[in-house]
All heavy atoms as atom14 arrays in JSON, in Angstrom:
{
  "sequence": "SFKLGLGVKTEGNLIISGTKGYIYVPSPWWKTDYFEIRYEDPTENKRY",
  "atom14_mask": [
    [1, 1, 1, 1, 1, 1, 0, 0, 0, 0, 0, 0, 0, 0],
    [1, 1, 1, 1, 1, 1, 1, 1, 1, 1, 1, 0, 0, 0],
    [1, 1, 1, 1, 1, 1, 1, 1, 1, 0, 0, 0, 0, 0],
    [1, 1, 1, 1, 1, 1, 1, 1, 0, 0, 0, 0, 0, 0],
    [1, 1, 1, 1, 0, 0, 0, 0, 0, 0, 0, 0, 0, 0],
    [1, 1, 1, 1, 1, 1, 1, 1, 0, 0, 0, 0, 0, 0],
    [1, 1, 1, 1, 0, 0, 0, 0, 0, 0, 0, 0, 0, 0],
    [1, 1, 1, 1, 1, 1, 1, 0, 0, 0, 0, 0, 0, 0],
    [1, 1, 1, 1, 1, 1, 1, 1, 1, 0, 0, 0, 0, 0],
    [1, 1, 1, 1, 1, 1, 1, 0, 0, 0, 0, 0, 0, 0],
    [1, 1, 1, 1, 1, 1, 1, 1, 1, 0, 0, 0, 0, 0],
    [1, 1, 1, 1, 0, 0, 0, 0, 0, 0, 0, 0, 0, 0],
    [1, 1, 1, 1, 1, 1, 1, 1, 0, 0, 0, 0, 0, 0],
    [1, 1, 1, 1, 1, 1, 1, 1, 0, 0, 0, 0, 0, 0],
    [1, 1, 1, 1, 1, 1, 1, 1, 0, 0, 0, 0, 0, 0],
    [1, 1, 1, 1, 1, 1, 1, 1, 0, 0, 0, 0, 0, 0],
    [1, 1, 1, 1, 1, 1, 0, 0, 0, 0, 0, 0, 0, 0],
    [1, 1, 1, 1, 0, 0, 0, 0, 0, 0, 0, 0, 0, 0],
    [1, 1, 1, 1, 1, 1, 1, 0, 0, 0, 0, 0, 0, 0],
    [1, 1, 1, 1, 1, 1, 1, 1, 1, 0, 0, 0, 0, 0],
    [1, 1, 1, 1, 0, 0, 0, 0, 0, 0, 0, 0, 0, 0],
    [1, 1, 1, 1, 1, 1, 1, 1, 1, 1, 1, 1, 0, 0],
    [1, 1, 1, 1, 1, 1, 1, 1, 0, 0, 0, 0, 0, 0],
    [1, 1, 1, 1, 1, 1, 1, 1, 1, 1, 1, 1, 0, 0],
    [1, 1, 1, 1, 1, 1, 1, 0, 0, 0, 0, 0, 0, 0],
    [1, 1, 1, 1, 1, 1, 1, 0, 0, 0, 0, 0, 0, 0],
    [1, 1, 1, 1, 1, 1, 0, 0, 0, 0, 0, 0, 0, 0],
    [1, 1, 1, 1, 1, 1, 1, 0, 0, 0, 0, 0, 0, 0],
    [1, 1, 1, 1, 1, 1, 1, 1, 1, 1, 1, 1, 1, 1],
    [1, 1, 1, 1, 1, 1, 1, 1, 1, 1, 1, 1, 1, 1],
    [1, 1, 1, 1, 1, 1, 1, 1, 1, 0, 0, 0, 0, 0],
    [1, 1, 1, 1, 1, 1, 1, 0, 0, 0, 0, 0, 0, 0],
    [1, 1, 1, 1, 1, 1, 1, 1, 0, 0, 0, 0, 0, 0],
    [1, 1, 1, 1, 1, 1, 1, 1, 1, 1, 1, 1, 0, 0],
    [1, 1, 1, 1, 1, 1, 1, 1, 1, 1, 1, 0, 0, 0],
    [1, 1, 1, 1, 1, 1, 1, 1, 1, 0, 0, 0, 0, 0],
    [1, 1, 1, 1, 1, 1, 1, 1, 0, 0, 0, 0, 0, 0],
    [1, 1, 1, 1, 1, 1, 1, 1, 1, 1, 1, 0, 0, 0],
    [1, 1, 1, 1, 1, 1, 1, 1, 1, 1, 1, 1, 0, 0],
    [1, 1, 1, 1, 1, 1, 1, 1, 1, 0, 0, 0, 0, 0],
    [1, 1, 1, 1, 1, 1, 1, 1, 0, 0, 0, 0, 0, 0],
    [1, 1, 1, 1, 1, 1, 1, 0, 0, 0, 0, 0, 0, 0],
    [1, 1, 1, 1, 1, 1, 1, 0, 0, 0, 0, 0, 0, 0],
    [1, 1, 1, 1, 1, 1, 1, 1, 1, 0, 0, 0, 0, 0],
    [1, 1, 1, 1, 1, 1, 1, 1, 0, 0, 0, 0, 0, 0],
    [1, 1, 1, 1, 1, 1, 1, 1, 1, 0, 0, 0, 0, 0],
    [1, 1, 1, 1, 1, 1, 1, 1, 1, 1, 1, 0, 0, 0],
    [1, 1, 1, 1, 1, 1, 1, 1, 1, 1, 1, 1, 0, 0]
  ],
  "atom14_positions": [
    [[3.64, 10.77, -5.59], [3.85, 10.39, -6.98], [2.76, 9.44, -7.42], [2.17, 8.74, -6.61], [5.23, 9.76, -7.18], [5.33, 8.55, -6.46], [0.0, 0.0, 0.0], [0.0, 0.0, 0.0], [0.0, 0.0, 0.0], [0.0, 0.0, 0.0], [0.0, 0.0, 0.0], [0.0, 0.0, 0.0], [0.0, 0.0, 0.0], [0.0, 0.0, 0.0]],
    [[2.5, 9.43, -8.72], [1.51, 8.5, -9.26], [1.97, 8.02, -10.63], [2.73, 8.68, -11.32], [0.12, 9.16, -9.37], [0.09, 10.4, -10.22], [0.01, 10.32, -11.61], [0.15, 11.65, -9.64], [-0.03, 11.47, -12.39], [0.13, 12.81, -10.41], [0.03, 12.71, -11.79], [0.0, 0.0, 0.0], [0.0, 0.0, 0.0], [0.0, 0.0, 0.0]],
    [[1.49, 6.84, -11.0], [1.75, 6.27, -12.32], [0.42, 5.84, -12.92], [-0.36, 5.14, -12.27], [2.7, 5.07, -12.22], [4.12, 5.46, -11.81], [5.07, 4.26, -11.83], [4.87, 3.39, -10.62], [5.9, 2.32, -10.53], [0.0, 0.0, 0.0], [0.0, 0.0, 0.0], [0.0, 0.0, 0.0], [0.0, 0.0, 0.0], [0.0, 0.0, 0.0]],
    [[0.17, 6.28, -14.16], [-1.07, 5.99, -14.86], [-0.75, 5.32, -16.18], [0.07, 5.83, -16.95], [-1.85, 7.28, -15.14], [-2.04, 8.26, -13.97], [-2.63, 9.56, -14.48], [-2.94, 7.64, -12.91], [0.0, 0.0, 0.0], [0.0, 0.0, 0.0], [0.0, 0.0, 0.0], [0.0, 0.0, 0.0], [0.0, 0.0, 0.0], [0.0, 0.0, 0.0]],
    [[-1.35, 4.18, -16.47], [-1.05, 3.49, -17.71], [-2.26, 2.95, -18.44], [-3.11, 2.3, -17.83], [0.0, 0.0, 0.0], [0.0, 0.0, 0.0], [0.0, 0.0, 0.0], [0.0, 0.0, 0.0], [0.0, 0.0, 0.0], [0.0, 0.0, 0.0], [0.0, 0.0, 0.0], [0.0, 0.0, 0.0], [0.0, 0.0, 0.0], [0.0, 0.0, 0.0]],
    [[-2.34, 3.26, -19.73], [-3.31, 2.61, -20.61], [-2.61, 1.69, -21.61], [-3.24, 0.8, -22.17], [-4.14, 3.65, -21.38], [-5.19, 4.41, -20.58], [-5.9, 5.43, -21.48], [-6.22, 3.48, -19.95], [0.0, 0.0, 0.0], [0.0, 0.0, 0.0], [0.0, 0.0, 0.0], [0.0, 0.0, 0.0], [0.0, 0.0, 0.0], [0.0, 0.0, 0.0]],
    [[-1.32, 1.97, -21.84], [-0.54, 1.14, -22.75], [0.71, 0.6, -22.09], [1.57, 0.0, -22.74], [0.0, 0.0, 0.0], [0.0, 0.0, 0.0], [0.0, 0.0, 0.0], [0.0, 0.0, 0.0], [0.0, 0.0, 0.0], [0.0, 0.0, 0.0], [0.0, 0.0, 0.0], [0.0, 0.0, 0.0], [0.0, 0.0, 0.0], [0.0, 0.0, 0.0]],
    [[0.83, 0.83, -20.8], [1.96, 0.34, -20.0], [1.38, -0.27, -18.73], [0.52, 0.33, -18.09], [2.94, 1.48, -19.65], [4.02, 0.99, -18.69], [3.57, 2.05, -20.91], [0.0, 0.0, 0.0], [0.0, 0.0, 0.0], [0.0, 0.0, 0.0], [0.0, 0.0, 0.0], [0.0, 0.0, 0.0], [0.0, 0.0, 0.0], [0.0, 0.0, 0.0]],
    [[1.86, -1.44, -18.34], [1.34, -2.11, -17.15], [2.31, -1.95, -16.0], [3.52, -2.08, -16.16], [1.13, -3.61, -17.43], [0.34, -4.33, -16.36], [-1.08, -3.81, -16.25], [-1.85, -4.51, -15.12], [-3.16, -3.87, -14.9], [0.0, 0.0, 0.0], [0.0, 0.0, 0.0], [0.0, 0.0, 0.0], [0.0, 0.0, 0.0], [0.0, 0.0, 0.0]],
    [[1.76, -1.64, -14.82], [2.58, -1.5, -13.62], [1.8, -2.03, -12.42], [0.6, -2.3, -12.52], [2.97, -0.03, -13.39], [3.91, 0.05, -12.31], [1.75, 0.83, -13.05], [0.0, 0.0, 0.0], [0.0, 0.0, 0.0], [0.0, 0.0, 0.0], [0.0, 0.0, 0.0], [0.0, 0.0, 0.0], [0.0, 0.0, 0.0], [0.0, 0.0, 0.0]],
    [[2.47, -2.21, -11.3], [1.83, -2.7, -10.09], [0.85, -1.65, -9.56], [1.22, -0.5, -9.33], [2.87, -3.0, -9.02], [2.32, -3.46, -7.68], [1.6, -4.8, -7.76], [1.96, -5.61, -8.62], [0.69, -5.02, -6.95], [0.0, 0.0, 0.0], [0.0, 0.0, 0.0], [0.0, 0.0, 0.0], [0.0, 0.0, 0.0], [0.0, 0.0, 0.0]],
    [[-0.39, -2.05, -9.37], [-1.42, -1.09, -8.96], [-1.61, -1.03, -7.46], [-2.68, -1.37, -6.96], [0.0, 0.0, 0.0], [0.0, 0.0, 0.0], [0.0, 0.0, 0.0], [0.0, 0.0, 0.0], [0.0, 0.0, 0.0], [0.0, 0.0, 0.0], [0.0, 0.0, 0.0], [0.0, 0.0, 0.0], [0.0, 0.0, 0.0], [0.0, 0.0, 0.0]],
    [[-0.58, -0.6, -6.74], [-0.69, -0.54, -5.29], [-0.67, 0.9, -4.78], [-0.44, 1.85, -5.54], [0.4, -1.37, -4.61], [1.79, -0.96, -5.03], [1.98, 0.11, -5.62], [2.78, -1.78, -4.74], [0.0, 0.0, 0.0], [0.0, 0.0, 0.0], [0.0, 0.0, 0.0], [0.0, 0.0, 0.0], [0.0, 0.0, 0.0], [0.0, 0.0, 0.0]],
    [[-0.92, 1.04, -3.48], [-0.88, 2.34, -2.82], [-0.02, 2.21, -1.58], [-0.21, 1.29, -0.78], [-2.31, 2.76, -2.42], [-2.46, 3.98, -1.49], [-1.99, 5.25, -2.17], [-3.93, 4.11, -1.03], [0.0, 0.0, 0.0], [0.0, 0.0, 0.0], [0.0, 0.0, 0.0], [0.0, 0.0, 0.0], [0.0, 0.0, 0.0], [0.0, 0.0, 0.0]],
    [[0.97, 3.1, -1.45], [1.85, 3.1, -0.29], [1.85, 4.5, 0.33], [2.11, 5.49, -0.37], [3.29, 2.7, -0.66], [3.3, 1.29, -1.27], [4.2, 2.75, 0.57], [4.65, 0.86, -1.82], [0.0, 0.0, 0.0], [0.0, 0.0, 0.0], [0.0, 0.0, 0.0], [0.0, 0.0, 0.0], [0.0, 0.0, 0.0], [0.0, 0.0, 0.0]],
    [[1.54, 4.57, 1.61], [1.53, 5.84, 2.34], [2.61, 5.77, 3.41], [2.5, 4.97, 4.35], [0.15, 6.1, 2.97], [-0.94, 6.04, 1.9], [0.13, 7.44, 3.69], [-2.35, 6.01, 2.46], [0.0, 0.0, 0.0], [0.0, 0.0, 0.0], [0.0, 0.0, 0.0], [0.0, 0.0, 0.0], [0.0, 0.0, 0.0], [0.0, 0.0, 0.0]],
    [[3.66, 6.57, 3.26], [4.83, 6.49, 4.14], [4.78, 7.59, 5.2], [4.57, 8.77, 4.89], [6.11, 6.64, 3.32], [6.18, 5.63, 2.33], [0.0, 0.0, 0.0], [0.0, 0.0, 0.0], [0.0, 0.0, 0.0], [0.0, 0.0, 0.0], [0.0, 0.0, 0.0], [0.0, 0.0, 0.0], [0.0, 0.0, 0.0], [0.0, 0.0, 0.0]],
    [[5.01, 7.18, 6.46], [5.0, 8.15, 7.56], [6.22, 8.04, 8.44], [7.07, 7.17, 8.23], [0.0, 0.0, 0.0], [0.0, 0.0, 0.0], [0.0, 0.0, 0.0], [0.0, 0.0, 0.0], [0.0, 0.0, 0.0], [0.0, 0.0, 0.0], [0.0, 0.0, 0.0], [0.0, 0.0, 0.0], [0.0, 0.0, 0.0], [0.0, 0.0, 0.0]],
    [[6.31, 8.91, 9.42], [7.49, 8.96, 10.29], [7.51, 7.84, 11.33], [8.53, 7.6, 11.97], [7.54, 10.32, 11.01], [6.27, 10.54, 11.68], [7.79, 11.45, 10.03], [0.0, 0.0, 0.0], [0.0, 0.0, 0.0], [0.0, 0.0, 0.0], [0.0, 0.0, 0.0], [0.0, 0.0, 0.0], [0.0, 0.0, 0.0], [0.0, 0.0, 0.0]],
    [[6.38, 7.1, 11.49], [6.34, 5.98, 12.43], [6.19, 4.63, 11.74], [6.48, 3.59, 12.33], [5.16, 6.17, 13.41], [5.28, 7.37, 14.33], [4.06, 7.45, 15.24], [4.12, 8.66, 16.17], [2.9, 8.75, 17.03], [0.0, 0.0, 0.0], [0.0, 0.0, 0.0], [0.0, 0.0, 0.0], [0.0, 0.0, 0.0], [0.0, 0.0, 0.0]],
    [[5.69, 4.64, 10.51], [5.46, 3.4, 9.78], [4.83, 3.72, 8.44], [4.81, 4.88, 8.01], [0.0, 0.0, 0.0], [0.0, 0.0, 0.0], [0.0, 0.0, 0.0], [0.0, 0.0, 0.0], [0.0, 0.0, 0.0], [0.0, 0.0, 0.0], [0.0, 0.0, 0.0], [0.0, 0.0, 0.0], [0.0, 0.0, 0.0], [0.0, 0.0, 0.0]],
    [[4.3, 2.7, 7.77], [3.66, 2.96, 6.48], [2.45, 2.04, 6.29], [2.31, 1.01, 6.96], [4.65, 2.81, 5.33], [5.09, 1.39, 5.01], [4.48, 0.66, 3.99], [6.15, 0.79, 5.69], [4.91, -0.63, 3.68], [6.58, -0.48, 5.39], [5.95, -1.19, 4.37], [6.37, -2.47, 4.07], [0.0, 0.0, 0.0], [0.0, 0.0, 0.0]],
    [[1.58, 2.45, 5.37], [0.41, 1.65, 5.02], [0.59, 1.12, 3.6], [0.95, 1.87, 2.69], [-0.89, 2.47, 5.13], [-1.2, 2.76, 6.6], [-2.06, 1.73, 4.49], [-2.46, 3.56, 6.82], [0.0, 0.0, 0.0], [0.0, 0.0, 0.0], [0.0, 0.0, 0.0], [0.0, 0.0, 0.0], [0.0, 0.0, 0.0], [0.0, 0.0, 0.0]],
    [[0.35, -0.18, 3.45], [0.45, -0.82, 2.15], [-0.93, -1.35, 1.75], [-1.55, -2.1, 2.49], [1.45, -1.97, 2.19], [1.46, -2.81, 0.94], [2.04, -2.34, -0.23], [0.86, -4.07, 0.91], [2.03, -3.1, -1.4], [0.85, -4.84, -0.24], [1.45, -4.35, -1.39], [1.44, -5.1, -2.54], [0.0, 0.0, 0.0], [0.0, 0.0, 0.0]],
    [[-1.4, -0.92, 0.55], [-2.67, -1.42, 0.01], [-2.35, -2.11, -1.31], [-1.9, -1.45, -2.25], [-3.68, -0.28, -0.23], [-5.07, -0.86, -0.5], [-3.72, 0.7, 0.93], [0.0, 0.0, 0.0], [0.0, 0.0, 0.0], [0.0, 0.0, 0.0], [0.0, 0.0, 0.0], [0.0, 0.0, 0.0], [0.0, 0.0, 0.0], [0.0, 0.0, 0.0]],
    [[-2.56, -3.42, -1.41], [-2.22, -4.14, -2.63], [-3.17, -3.82, -3.78], [-4.27, -3.29, -3.56], [-2.31, -5.61, -2.22], [-3.32, -5.61, -1.12], [-3.12, -4.31, -0.38], [0.0, 0.0, 0.0], [0.0, 0.0, 0.0], [0.0, 0.0, 0.0], [0.0, 0.0, 0.0], [0.0, 0.0, 0.0], [0.0, 0.0, 0.0], [0.0, 0.0, 0.0]],
    [[-2.76, -4.18, -4.98], [-3.61, -4.03, -6.15], [-4.82, -4.97, -6.06], [-4.68, -6.1, -5.59], [-2.79, -4.35, -7.4], [-3.58, -4.25, -8.56], [0.0, 0.0, 0.0], [0.0, 0.0, 0.0], [0.0, 0.0, 0.0], [0.0, 0.0, 0.0], [0.0, 0.0, 0.0], [0.0, 0.0, 0.0], [0.0, 0.0, 0.0], [0.0, 0.0, 0.0]],
    [[-6.0, -4.52, -6.46], [-6.33, -3.15, -6.9], [-6.72, -2.29, -5.7], [-7.79, -2.46, -5.12], [-7.53, -3.38, -7.82], [-8.21, -4.6, -7.26], [-7.13, -5.44, -6.64], [0.0, 0.0, 0.0], [0.0, 0.0, 0.0], [0.0, 0.0, 0.0], [0.0, 0.0, 0.0], [0.0, 0.0, 0.0], [0.0, 0.0, 0.0], [0.0, 0.0, 0.0]],
    [[-5.85, -1.37, -5.33], [-6.05, -0.58, -4.12], [-7.32, 0.26, -4.18], [-7.9, 0.6, -3.13], [-4.84, 0.31, -3.86], [-4.67, 1.43, -4.84], [-3.87, 1.44, -5.94], [-5.33, 2.7, -4.83], [-3.99, 2.63, -6.63], [-4.88, 3.42, -5.96], [-6.26, 3.3, -3.99], [-5.33, 4.7, -6.26], [-6.72, 4.58, -4.28], [-6.24, 5.27, -5.41]],
    [[-7.76, 0.64, -5.4], [-8.93, 1.5, -5.54], [-10.23, 0.75, -5.21], [-11.28, 1.35, -5.09], [-9.0, 2.08, -6.95], [-8.88, 1.05, -8.03], [-9.89, 0.39, -8.68], [-7.67, 0.54, -8.59], [-9.38, -0.48, -9.6], [-8.02, -0.41, -9.58], [-6.31, 0.81, -8.36], [-7.06, -1.11, -10.32], [-5.36, 0.11, -9.11], [-5.74, -0.83, -10.07]],
    [[-10.15, -0.58, -5.05], [-11.27, -1.35, -4.53], [-10.86, -1.85, -3.14], [-10.7, -3.04, -2.9], [-11.59, -2.53, -5.44], [-12.01, -2.13, -6.85], [-12.28, -3.37, -7.69], [-12.63, -2.99, -9.12], [-12.89, -4.2, -9.96], [0.0, 0.0, 0.0], [0.0, 0.0, 0.0], [0.0, 0.0, 0.0], [0.0, 0.0, 0.0], [0.0, 0.0, 0.0]],
    [[-10.69, -0.92, -2.23], [-10.03, -1.2, -0.95], [-10.84, -2.17, -0.09], [-11.87, -1.81, 0.49], [-9.81, 0.09, -0.16], [-9.26, 1.09, -1.02], [-8.87, -0.14, 1.01], [0.0, 0.0, 0.0], [0.0, 0.0, 0.0], [0.0, 0.0, 0.0], [0.0, 0.0, 0.0], [0.0, 0.0, 0.0], [0.0, 0.0, 0.0], [0.0, 0.0, 0.0]],
    [[-10.36, -3.42, -0.02], [-10.98, -4.39, 0.89], [-9.96, -4.98, 1.87], [-10.31, -5.8, 2.71], [-11.68, -5.51, 0.11], [-10.73, -6.28, -0.8], [-9.52, -5.99, -0.8], [-11.21, -7.17, -1.53], [0.0, 0.0, 0.0], [0.0, 0.0, 0.0], [0.0, 0.0, 0.0], [0.0, 0.0, 0.0], [0.0, 0.0, 0.0], [0.0, 0.0, 0.0]],
    [[-8.7, -4.52, 1.74], [-7.64, -5.03, 2.62], [-6.46, -4.07, 2.59], [-6.11, -3.53, 1.56], [-7.19, -6.41, 2.14], [-5.9, -6.9, 2.77], [-5.9, -7.39, 4.08], [-4.69, -6.86, 2.08], [-4.72, -7.83, 4.67], [-3.52, -7.3, 2.66], [-3.53, -7.79, 3.95], [-2.37, -8.21, 4.53], [0.0, 0.0, 0.0], [0.0, 0.0, 0.0]],
    [[-5.86, -3.83, 3.75], [-4.59, -3.11, 3.8], [-3.84, -3.46, 5.06], [-4.39, -4.06, 5.99], [-4.8, -1.58, 3.68], [-5.58, -0.94, 4.8], [-4.97, -0.58, 5.99], [-6.94, -0.67, 4.64], [-5.68, 0.03, 7.01], [-7.67, -0.07, 5.65], [-7.04, 0.29, 6.84], [0.0, 0.0, 0.0], [0.0, 0.0, 0.0], [0.0, 0.0, 0.0]],
    [[-2.56, -3.13, 5.08], [-1.7, -3.43, 6.23], [-1.05, -2.16, 6.74], [-0.65, -1.29, 5.95], [-0.6, -4.41, 5.84], [-1.09, -5.77, 5.39], [0.06, -6.68, 5.0], [1.21, -6.4, 5.41], [-0.19, -7.68, 4.3], [0.0, 0.0, 0.0], [0.0, 0.0, 0.0], [0.0, 0.0, 0.0], [0.0, 0.0, 0.0], [0.0, 0.0, 0.0]],
    [[-0.93, -2.04, 8.05], [-0.07, -1.02, 8.66], [1.21, -1.73, 9.08], [1.17, -2.71, 9.82], [-0.74, -0.36, 9.87], [-2.05, 0.32, 9.46], [0.2, 0.66, 10.5], [-2.78, 0.99, 10.6], [0.0, 0.0, 0.0], [0.0, 0.0, 0.0], [0.0, 0.0, 0.0], [0.0, 0.0, 0.0], [0.0, 0.0, 0.0], [0.0, 0.0, 0.0]],
    [[2.34, -1.25, 8.59], [3.62, -1.91, 8.83], [4.57, -0.97, 9.58], [4.66, 0.22, 9.26], [4.26, -2.35, 7.51], [3.44, -3.39, 6.76], [4.04, -3.71, 5.41], [3.31, -4.78, 4.73], [3.59, -5.19, 3.49], [4.57, -4.62, 2.81], [2.88, -6.17, 2.95], [0.0, 0.0, 0.0], [0.0, 0.0, 0.0], [0.0, 0.0, 0.0]],
    [[5.26, -1.54, 10.57], [6.17, -0.77, 11.4], [7.58, -1.36, 11.33], [7.81, -2.42, 10.73], [5.69, -0.77, 12.85], [4.36, -0.07, 13.04], [3.18, -0.8, 13.19], [4.28, 1.32, 13.08], [1.95, -0.15, 13.38], [3.06, 1.97, 13.27], [1.91, 1.23, 13.41], [0.7, 1.87, 13.58], [0.0, 0.0, 0.0], [0.0, 0.0, 0.0]],
    [[8.52, -0.68, 11.98], [9.91, -1.17, 12.05], [9.95, -2.55, 12.72], [10.66, -3.45, 12.29], [10.77, -0.17, 12.83], [12.25, -0.48, 12.83], [12.91, -0.23, 11.48], [12.31, 0.5, 10.64], [14.0, -0.77, 11.25], [0.0, 0.0, 0.0], [0.0, 0.0, 0.0], [0.0, 0.0, 0.0], [0.0, 0.0, 0.0], [0.0, 0.0, 0.0]],
    [[9.17, -2.7, 13.78], [9.04, -4.0, 14.45], [7.85, -4.74, 13.83], [6.69, -4.37, 14.05], [8.8, -3.79, 15.95], [8.66, -5.1, 16.72], [8.65, -6.17, 16.08], [8.55, -5.03, 17.96], [0.0, 0.0, 0.0], [0.0, 0.0, 0.0], [0.0, 0.0, 0.0], [0.0, 0.0, 0.0], [0.0, 0.0, 0.0], [0.0, 0.0, 0.0]],
    [[8.09, -5.79, 13.04], [7.0, -6.47, 12.33], [5.96, -7.1, 13.25], [4.84, -7.37, 12.82], [7.73, -7.54, 11.51], [9.05, -7.7, 12.17], [9.4, -6.37, 12.74], [0.0, 0.0, 0.0], [0.0, 0.0, 0.0], [0.0, 0.0, 0.0], [0.0, 0.0, 0.0], [0.0, 0.0, 0.0], [0.0, 0.0, 0.0], [0.0, 0.0, 0.0]],
    [[6.3, -7.31, 14.52], [5.31, -7.89, 15.45], [4.19, -6.89, 15.77], [3.15, -7.28, 16.31], [5.98, -8.33, 16.77], [6.52, -7.18, 17.44], [7.08, -9.34, 16.5], [0.0, 0.0, 0.0], [0.0, 0.0, 0.0], [0.0, 0.0, 0.0], [0.0, 0.0, 0.0], [0.0, 0.0, 0.0], [0.0, 0.0, 0.0], [0.0, 0.0, 0.0]],
    [[4.41, -5.62, 15.45], [3.4, -4.6, 15.7], [2.49, -4.36, 14.47], [1.55, -3.58, 14.53], [4.07, -3.28, 16.09], [4.84, -3.36, 17.4], [5.48, -2.03, 17.77], [5.32, -1.06, 16.99], [6.12, -1.95, 18.82], [0.0, 0.0, 0.0], [0.0, 0.0, 0.0], [0.0, 0.0, 0.0], [0.0, 0.0, 0.0], [0.0, 0.0, 0.0]],
    [[2.81, -5.03, 13.36], [2.02, -4.84, 12.14], [0.55, -5.23, 12.36], [0.25, -6.13, 13.14], [2.6, -5.67, 11.0], [3.96, -5.17, 10.55], [4.46, -4.16, 11.06], [4.57, -5.87, 9.62], [0.0, 0.0, 0.0], [0.0, 0.0, 0.0], [0.0, 0.0, 0.0], [0.0, 0.0, 0.0], [0.0, 0.0, 0.0], [0.0, 0.0, 0.0]],
    [[-0.33, -4.55, 11.63], [-1.76, -4.85, 11.72], [-2.35, -5.0, 10.32], [-1.96, -4.3, 9.39], [-2.49, -3.73, 12.47], [-2.09, -3.61, 13.93], [-2.87, -2.5, 14.63], [-2.46, -2.38, 16.09], [-3.21, -1.29, 16.79], [0.0, 0.0, 0.0], [0.0, 0.0, 0.0], [0.0, 0.0, 0.0], [0.0, 0.0, 0.0], [0.0, 0.0, 0.0]],
    [[-3.31, -5.93, 10.21], [-4.0, -6.16, 8.95], [-5.48, -5.85, 9.12], [-6.07, -6.16, 10.15], [-3.83, -7.62, 8.51], [-2.39, -8.0, 8.21], [-2.3, -9.45, 7.78], [-0.94, -9.83, 7.43], [-0.59, -11.02, 6.97], [-1.53, -11.97, 6.83], [0.67, -11.27, 6.68], [0.0, 0.0, 0.0], [0.0, 0.0, 0.0], [0.0, 0.0, 0.0]],
    [[-6.06, -5.24, 8.09], [-7.46, -4.86, 8.13], [-8.18, -5.43, 6.9], [-7.7, -5.28, 5.78], [-7.6, -3.33, 8.14], [-7.05, -2.68, 9.38], [-5.68, -2.39, 9.49], [-7.88, -2.33, 10.44], [-5.17, -1.79, 10.63], [-7.37, -1.73, 11.59], [-6.02, -1.46, 11.68], [-5.52, -0.87, 12.8], [0.0, 0.0, 0.0], [0.0, 0.0, 0.0]]
  ]
}
């Protein structure tokens, strides 16, 4: 799914959900300089 706004403001993030965990890229995700891989066990999370 996607949300596009020129007259409506929304959180500009990217979330990719998988069967083992998910990747979260904060706004502005399209200028990707940081993201996190998150798992069920937060001690296994990684930041890039």
